[in-house]
Amino acid sequence: MKIFKIAILSSILISTIGTAQAENDFNFGTRLLKMSVLNVHGETFRNVEVMLKIDGTYQIISAEAPVQLDNPVCDIDRETARQDALADAREDWGSDYSMVQYLLNKDMDAYDDICAMEKSAVYLEILNEASSDWYPDFSMVKYSLEKDLEAYKDVQ
């Protein structure tokens, strides 16, 4: 069983997919993905199994009922966030362990900074969008959040 990060860039509009475990089914040209967190069209699911077909379509096989996360980053426990960030860094840097460690530390510092920020309705709206675009790259989530919060303040 291989662990990897998946990002689907098509009309499916799946985002915020953390680490996943996949089992290949070559007879049917499909792949079964098991994920801790999945955001589909703004709804957040936990403990998800998705059948991803070779043509890019998908079907959710099982999942816990959709949950509304008050905070799409900080409501994910720190250890799950760490594991997702670690898998992302390993995917990008493989056996370059110093880079994996550097990115993991940077991402976890950003995770902590995001969780320490003052929460507001605007903060949560922007954070939802940033985490949908960048999870589990918490450094980019933080950068996008700070940039958009600053722009929001400037136009008020």
C-alpha atoms as a PDB file:
ATOM      1  CA  MET A   1       0.000   0.000   0.000  1.00  0.00           C
ATOM      2  CA  LYS A   2       1.476   3.351  -1.045  1.00  0.00           C
ATOM      3  CA  ILE A   3       0.874   6.609   0.821  1.00  0.00           C
ATOM      4  CA  PHE A   4       0.638   9.735  -1.319  1.00  0.00           C
ATOM      5  CA  LYS A   5      -1.013  13.112  -1.649  1.00  0.00           C
ATOM      6  CA  ILE A   6      -3.570  13.538  -4.377  1.00  0.00           C
ATOM      7  CA  ALA A   7      -4.720  16.736  -6.003  1.00  0.00           C
ATOM      8  CA  ILE A   8      -7.399  16.514  -8.644  1.00  0.00           C
ATOM      9  CA  LEU A   9      -7.478  19.470 -10.995  1.00  0.00           C
ATOM     10  CA  SER A  10     -10.594  19.018 -13.078  1.00  0.00           C
ATOM     11  CA  SER A  11     -14.270  19.777 -13.067  1.00  0.00           C
ATOM     12  CA  ILE A  12     -14.636  17.430 -10.106  1.00  0.00           C
ATOM     13  CA  LEU A  13     -13.730  20.300  -7.757  1.00  0.00           C
ATOM     14  CA  ILE A  14     -12.258  18.176  -4.996  1.00  0.00           C
ATOM     15  CA  SER A  15      -9.938  20.086  -2.722  1.00  0.00           C
ATOM     16  CA  THR A  16      -8.305  19.848   0.682  1.00  0.00           C
ATOM     17  CA  ILE A  17      -7.324  16.258   0.282  1.00  0.00           C
ATOM     18  CA  GLY A  18      -4.799  15.252   2.880  1.00  0.00           C
ATOM     19  CA  THR A  19      -2.728  12.111   2.857  1.00  0.00           C
ATOM     20  CA  ALA A  20      -4.353   9.098   1.329  1.00  0.00           C
ATOM     21  CA  GLN A  21      -3.711   5.405   1.146  1.00  0.00           C
ATOM     22  CA  ALA A  22      -4.427   3.804  -2.203  1.00  0.00           C
ATOM     23  CA  GLU A  23      -5.104   0.303  -3.364  1.00  0.00           C
ATOM     24  CA  ASN A  24      -4.913  -0.281  -7.087  1.00  0.00           C
ATOM     25  CA  ASP A  25      -7.567  -2.316  -8.836  1.00  0.00           C
ATOM     26  CA  PHE A  26      -6.099  -2.787 -12.297  1.00  0.00           C
ATOM     27  CA  ASN A  27      -9.009  -4.973 -13.457  1.00  0.00           C
ATOM     28  CA  PHE A  28     -11.358  -2.009 -13.323  1.00  0.00           C
ATOM     29  CA  GLY A  29      -8.892   0.857 -13.807  1.00  0.00           C
ATOM     30  CA  THR A  30      -9.822   2.381 -10.484  1.00  0.00           C
ATOM     31  CA  ARG A  31      -8.060   3.349  -7.297  1.00  0.00           C
ATOM     32  CA  LEU A  32      -9.473   3.244  -3.769  1.00  0.00           C
ATOM     33  CA  LEU A  33      -8.349   6.205  -1.660  1.00  0.00           C
ATOM     34  CA  LYS A  34      -8.648   6.376   2.111  1.00  0.00           C
ATOM     35  CA  MET A  35      -8.348   9.909   3.500  1.00  0.00           C
ATOM     36  CA  SER A  36      -8.549  11.501   6.919  1.00  0.00           C
ATOM     37  CA  VAL A  37     -10.055  14.779   5.629  1.00  0.00           C
ATOM     38  CA  LEU A  38     -11.793  15.626   2.353  1.00  0.00           C
ATOM     39  CA  ASN A  39     -13.468  18.857   1.282  1.00  0.00           C
ATOM     40  CA  VAL A  40     -15.922  18.499  -1.624  1.00  0.00           C
ATOM     41  CA  HIS A  41     -17.819  21.564  -2.802  1.00  0.00           C
ATOM     42  CA  GLY A  42     -17.391  23.218   0.599  1.00  0.00           C
ATOM     43  CA  GLU A  43     -18.515  20.220   2.688  1.00  0.00           C
ATOM     44  CA  THR A  44     -15.905  18.596   4.914  1.00  0.00           C
ATOM     45  CA  PHE A  45     -15.894  14.836   5.374  1.00  0.00           C
ATOM     46  CA  ARG A  46     -13.720  12.742   7.687  1.00  0.00           C
ATOM     47  CA  ASN A  47     -12.499   9.145   7.337  1.00  0.00           C
ATOM     48  CA  VAL A  48     -13.362   8.928   3.655  1.00  0.00           C
ATOM     49  CA  GLU A  49     -13.009   6.158   1.105  1.00  0.00           C
ATOM     50  CA  VAL A  50     -13.197   7.378  -2.479  1.00  0.00           C
ATOM     51  CA  MET A  51     -13.137   5.302  -5.635  1.00  0.00           C
ATOM     52  CA  LEU A  52     -11.136   7.322  -8.180  1.00  0.00           C
ATOM     53  CA  LYS A  53     -11.637   6.085 -11.730  1.00  0.00           C
ATOM     54  CA  ILE A  54      -9.045   6.277 -14.472  1.00  0.00           C
ATOM     55  CA  ASP A  55     -11.246   8.738 -16.419  1.00  0.00           C
ATOM     56  CA  GLY A  56     -10.983  11.271 -13.571  1.00  0.00           C
ATOM     57  CA  THR A  57     -14.448  10.727 -12.141  1.00  0.00           C
ATOM     58  CA  TYR A  58     -14.933   9.629  -8.562  1.00  0.00           C
ATOM     59  CA  GLN A  59     -17.440   8.116  -6.207  1.00  0.00           C
ATOM     60  CA  ILE A  60     -17.459   8.444  -2.423  1.00  0.00           C
ATOM     61  CA  ILE A  61     -17.729   4.890  -1.106  1.00  0.00           C
ATOM     62  CA  SER A  62     -17.979   5.720   2.582  1.00  0.00           C
ATOM     63  CA  ALA A  63     -17.495   8.704   4.844  1.00  0.00           C
ATOM     64  CA  GLU A  64     -18.628  10.076   8.137  1.00  0.00           C
ATOM     65  CA  ALA A  65     -21.477  12.550   7.780  1.00  0.00           C
ATOM     66  CA  PRO A  66     -20.355  16.001   6.625  1.00  0.00           C
ATOM     67  CA  VAL A  67     -19.065  18.121   9.450  1.00  0.00           C
ATOM     68  CA  GLN A  68     -18.878  21.853   9.728  1.00  0.00           C
ATOM     69  CA  LEU A  69     -15.431  22.821  10.881  1.00  0.00           C
ATOM     70  CA  ASP A  70     -15.402  26.136  12.676  1.00  0.00           C
ATOM     71  CA  ASN A  71     -11.754  26.452  11.735  1.00  0.00           C
ATOM     72  CA  PRO A  72     -10.623  24.310   8.765  1.00  0.00           C
ATOM     73  CA  VAL A  73      -7.012  24.230   9.997  1.00  0.00           C
ATOM     74  CA  CYS A  74      -7.127  24.290  13.791  1.00  0.00           C
ATOM     75  CA  ASP A  75     -10.077  21.887  14.075  1.00  0.00           C
ATOM     76  CA  ILE A  76      -7.796  19.265  12.544  1.00  0.00           C
ATOM     77  CA  ASP A  77      -5.754  17.972  15.451  1.00  0.00           C
ATOM     78  CA  ARG A  78      -2.076  18.900  15.391  1.00  0.00           C
ATOM     79  CA  GLU A  79      -0.827  15.316  14.937  1.00  0.00           C
ATOM     80  CA  THR A  80      -3.060  14.712  11.895  1.00  0.00           C
ATOM     81  CA  ALA A  81      -1.943  18.056  10.459  1.00  0.00           C
ATOM     82  CA  ARG A  82       1.692  17.064  11.118  1.00  0.00           C
ATOM     83  CA  GLN A  83       1.277  13.711   9.376  1.00  0.00           C
ATOM     84  CA  ASP A  84      -0.373  15.368   6.362  1.00  0.00           C
ATOM     85  CA  ALA A  85       2.393  18.013   6.164  1.00  0.00           C
ATOM     86  CA  LEU A  86       5.062  15.311   6.522  1.00  0.00           C
ATOM     87  CA  ALA A  87       3.559  13.242   3.695  1.00  0.00           C
ATOM     88  CA  ASP A  88       3.434  16.378   1.526  1.00  0.00           C
ATOM     89  CA  ALA A  89       7.098  17.200   2.246  1.00  0.00           C
ATOM     90  CA  ARG A  90       8.159  13.598   1.587  1.00  0.00           C
ATOM     91  CA  GLU A  91       6.318  13.617  -1.722  1.00  0.00           C
ATOM     92  CA  ASP A  92       8.173  16.754  -2.788  1.00  0.00           C
ATOM     93  CA  TRP A  93      11.631  15.930  -1.397  1.00  0.00           C
ATOM     94  CA  GLY A  94      11.805  12.131  -1.046  1.00  0.00           C
ATOM     95  CA  SER A  95      14.993  11.108   0.717  1.00  0.00           C
ATOM     96  CA  ASP A  96      16.350  14.650   1.117  1.00  0.00           C
ATOM     97  CA  TYR A  97      15.632  14.428   4.834  1.00  0.00           C
ATOM     98  CA  SER A  98      17.028  17.835   5.706  1.00  0.00           C
ATOM     99  CA  MET A  99      14.545  19.484   3.314  1.00  0.00           C
ATOM    100  CA  VAL A 100      11.706  17.299   4.604  1.00  0.00           C
ATOM    101  CA  GLN A 101      12.566  18.319   8.168  1.00  0.00           C
ATOM    102  CA  TYR A 102      12.906  21.999   7.195  1.00  0.00           C
ATOM    103  CA  LEU A 103       9.513  22.077   5.448  1.00  0.00           C
ATOM    104  CA  LEU A 104       7.829  20.126   8.225  1.00  0.00           C
ATOM    105  CA  ASN A 105       9.141  22.542  10.865  1.00  0.00           C
ATOM    106  CA  LYS A 106       8.148  25.549   8.737  1.00  0.00           C
ATOM    107  CA  ASP A 107       4.657  24.148   8.157  1.00  0.00           C
ATOM    108  CA  MET A 108       4.080  23.313  11.821  1.00  0.00           C
ATOM    109  CA  ASP A 109       5.235  26.793  12.866  1.00  0.00           C
ATOM    110  CA  ALA A 110       2.750  28.206  10.357  1.00  0.00           C
ATOM    111  CA  TYR A 111       0.029  25.871  11.697  1.00  0.00           C
ATOM    112  CA  ASP A 112       0.672  27.191  15.217  1.00  0.00           C
ATOM    113  CA  ASP A 113       0.657  30.810  13.981  1.00  0.00           C
ATOM    114  CA  ILE A 114      -2.652  30.299  12.152  1.00  0.00           C
ATOM    115  CA  CYS A 115      -4.226  28.817  15.281  1.00  0.00           C
ATOM    116  CA  ALA A 116      -2.952  31.702  17.419  1.00  0.00           C
ATOM    117  CA  MET A 117      -4.453  34.405  15.173  1.00  0.00           C
ATOM    118  CA  GLU A 118      -7.495  36.385  16.254  1.00  0.00           C
ATOM    119  CA  LYS A 119     -10.578  34.703  14.820  1.00  0.00           C
ATOM    120  CA  SER A 120     -13.271  36.702  13.029  1.00  0.00           C
ATOM    121  CA  ALA A 121     -15.889  35.945  10.390  1.00  0.00           C
ATOM    122  CA  VAL A 122     -13.612  37.396   7.692  1.00  0.00           C
ATOM    123  CA  TYR A 123     -10.643  35.396   9.022  1.00  0.00           C
ATOM    124  CA  LEU A 124     -12.664  32.150   8.792  1.00  0.00           C
ATOM    125  CA  GLU A 125     -13.967  32.963   5.320  1.00  0.00           C
ATOM    126  CA  ILE A 126     -10.461  33.649   4.014  1.00  0.00           C
ATOM    127  CA  LEU A 127      -9.009  30.678   5.899  1.00  0.00           C
ATOM    128  CA  ASN A 128     -11.585  28.347   4.343  1.00  0.00           C
ATOM    129  CA  GLU A 129     -10.499  29.440   0.886  1.00  0.00           C
ATOM    130  CA  ALA A 130      -6.776  29.343   1.669  1.00  0.00           C
ATOM    131  CA  SER A 131      -6.951  25.892   3.220  1.00  0.00           C
ATOM    132  CA  SER A 132      -8.977  24.594   0.269  1.00  0.00           C
ATOM    133  CA  ASP A 133      -6.235  25.844  -2.039  1.00  0.00           C
ATOM    134  CA  TRP A 134      -3.144  24.885  -0.042  1.00  0.00           C
ATOM    135  CA  TYR A 135      -3.782  22.235   2.669  1.00  0.00           C
ATOM    136  CA  PRO A 136      -1.499  20.674   3.963  1.00  0.00           C
ATOM    137  CA  ASP A 137       1.064  23.318   2.971  1.00  0.00           C
ATOM    138  CA  PHE A 138       0.469  25.433   6.088  1.00  0.00           C
ATOM    139  CA  SER A 139       3.153  27.945   5.110  1.00  0.00           C
ATOM    140  CA  MET A 140       1.170  28.777   1.982  1.00  0.00           C
ATOM    141  CA  VAL A 141      -2.127  28.739   3.901  1.00  0.00           C
ATOM    142  CA  LYS A 142      -0.634  31.286   6.318  1.00  0.00           C
ATOM    143  CA  TYR A 143       0.848  33.411   3.504  1.00  0.00           C
ATOM    144  CA  SER A 144      -2.451  33.457   1.599  1.00  0.00           C
ATOM    145  CA  LEU A 145      -4.423  34.194   4.773  1.00  0.00           C
ATOM    146  CA  GLU A 146      -2.173  37.086   5.810  1.00  0.00           C
ATOM    147  CA  LYS A 147      -2.084  38.545   2.287  1.00  0.00           C
ATOM    148  CA  ASP A 148      -5.864  38.452   1.911  1.00  0.00           C
ATOM    149  CA  LEU A 149      -6.510  39.769   5.439  1.00  0.00           C
ATOM    150  CA  GLU A 150      -4.222  42.726   4.691  1.00  0.00           C
ATOM    151  CA  ALA A 151      -6.028  43.357   1.382  1.00  0.00           C
ATOM    152  CA  TYR A 152      -9.379  43.163   3.164  1.00  0.00           C
ATOM    153  CA  LYS A 153      -8.259  45.785   5.688  1.00  0.00           C
ATOM    154  CA  ASP A 154      -7.017  48.050   2.890  1.00  0.00           C
ATOM    155  CA  VAL A 155     -10.355  48.070   1.072  1.00  0.00           C
ATOM    156  CA  GLN A 156     -12.464  48.744   4.168  1.00  0.00           C
END
